[in-house]
C-alpha cells in the first residue's frame, strides 16, 4: 500500500500542504483519523478549510470522486461534523 498523500485521489498540492501543516503526513494518518477528524484538525491548524476539503478527504479515503461524495454523502458527513464539533 502506498503511504504518500500525493498518491490519493482528490488531494492536490494545496490540500496536501494543509494536511501536513495539521500534522497529517501519511495515508495511514488520514485513515486512522477519518475524514471528519482530519478536516477538523486542518481547520484548527490552518483555519481556512472549506467543506470541499471534507468531501475531498472522504473521497481520498473511500476512492470516490469528491463531487460524488458531496452529492451522495453530504448529509451524513455534515451530521458527523456537527457531532464532532459539539463533542470538542
Protein backbone atom coordinates (compact mmCIF):
# COMPACT_ATOMS: atom_id res chain seq x y z
CA UNK A 1 0.00 0.00 0.00
CA UNK A 2 1.28 3.44 -0.93
CA UNK A 3 1.51 5.72 2.08
CA UNK A 4 2.08 9.09 0.40
CA UNK A 5 -0.71 11.67 0.40
CA UNK A 6 0.23 12.68 -3.16
CA UNK A 7 -0.99 9.31 -4.44
CA UNK A 8 -4.52 9.74 -3.12
CA UNK A 9 -7.31 10.88 -5.42
CA UNK A 10 -8.89 14.31 -4.83
CA UNK A 11 -5.91 15.79 -2.95
CA UNK A 12 -3.92 18.39 -4.83
CA UNK A 13 -0.82 20.23 -3.61
CA UNK A 14 -2.81 22.78 -1.57
CA UNK A 15 -4.80 20.09 0.24
CA UNK A 16 -1.63 18.10 0.88
CA UNK A 17 0.08 21.18 2.33
CA UNK A 18 -2.87 21.83 4.62
CA UNK A 19 -2.83 18.23 5.85
CA UNK A 20 0.92 18.33 6.51
CA UNK A 21 0.56 21.64 8.37
CA UNK A 22 -2.04 19.95 10.54
CA UNK A 23 0.29 17.03 11.33
CA UNK A 24 -1.27 14.55 8.91
CA UNK A 25 1.67 13.25 6.90
CA UNK A 26 0.66 9.83 5.59
CA UNK A 27 -2.28 7.91 4.20
CA UNK A 28 -2.21 5.88 7.42
CA UNK A 29 -2.58 9.09 9.46
CA UNK A 30 -5.57 10.12 7.36
CA UNK A 31 -7.24 6.71 7.53
CA UNK A 32 -6.66 6.48 11.30
CA UNK A 33 -8.31 9.86 11.88
CA UNK A 34 -11.05 9.57 9.30
CA UNK A 35 -12.25 12.40 7.10
CA UNK A 36 -14.20 14.36 9.72
CA UNK A 37 -11.49 14.37 12.40
CA UNK A 38 -8.82 15.16 9.80
CA UNK A 39 -10.92 18.05 8.46
CA UNK A 40 -11.37 19.45 11.98
CA UNK A 41 -7.65 19.11 12.67
CA UNK A 42 -6.88 21.07 9.48
CA UNK A 43 -9.43 23.74 10.38
CA UNK A 44 -7.87 24.15 13.83
CA UNK A 45 -4.34 24.45 12.44
CA UNK A 46 -4.85 26.19 9.11
CA UNK A 47 -8.20 27.86 9.60
CA UNK A 48 -9.34 28.40 6.02
CA UNK A 49 -10.51 24.94 5.04
CA UNK A 50 -13.77 24.80 3.10
CA UNK A 51 -16.21 21.93 3.09
CA UNK A 52 -14.76 20.93 -0.27
CA UNK A 53 -11.76 19.66 1.69
CA UNK A 54 -14.05 17.42 3.74
CA UNK A 55 -15.54 15.96 0.55
CA UNK A 56 -12.02 15.50 -0.88
CA UNK A 57 -10.77 13.78 2.27
CA UNK A 58 -13.69 11.38 2.34
CA UNK A 59 -13.19 10.69 -1.35
CA UNK A 60 -9.48 10.11 -0.82
CA UNK A 61 -10.26 7.51 1.84
CA UNK A 62 -13.15 5.85 0.02
CA UNK A 63 -11.83 6.12 -3.53
CA UNK A 64 -14.80 8.21 -4.71
CA UNK A 65 -14.54 11.47 -6.62
CA UNK A 66 -15.07 14.42 -4.27
CA UNK A 67 -18.12 15.62 -6.24
CA UNK A 68 -19.75 12.21 -5.85
CA UNK A 69 -19.05 12.37 -2.11
CA UNK A 70 -20.62 15.84 -1.98
CA UNK A 71 -23.74 14.56 -3.75
CA UNK A 72 -24.18 11.22 -2.03
CA UNK A 73 -22.68 11.63 1.45
CA UNK A 74 -23.09 15.33 2.21
CA UNK A 75 -25.79 14.92 4.84
CA UNK A 76 -24.12 12.10 6.77
CA UNK A 77 -20.76 13.92 6.73
CA UNK A 78 -22.31 17.19 7.89
CA UNK A 79 -24.10 15.40 10.72
CA UNK A 80 -20.85 13.67 11.74
CA UNK A 81 -19.04 17.02 11.57
CA UNK A 82 -21.69 18.70 13.72
CA UNK A 83 -21.48 15.87 16.25
CA UNK A 84 -17.67 16.02 16.38
CA UNK A 85 -17.70 19.80 16.81
CA UNK A 86 -20.22 19.54 19.62
CA UNK A 87 -18.05 16.97 21.45
CA UNK A 88 -14.86 19.02 21.02
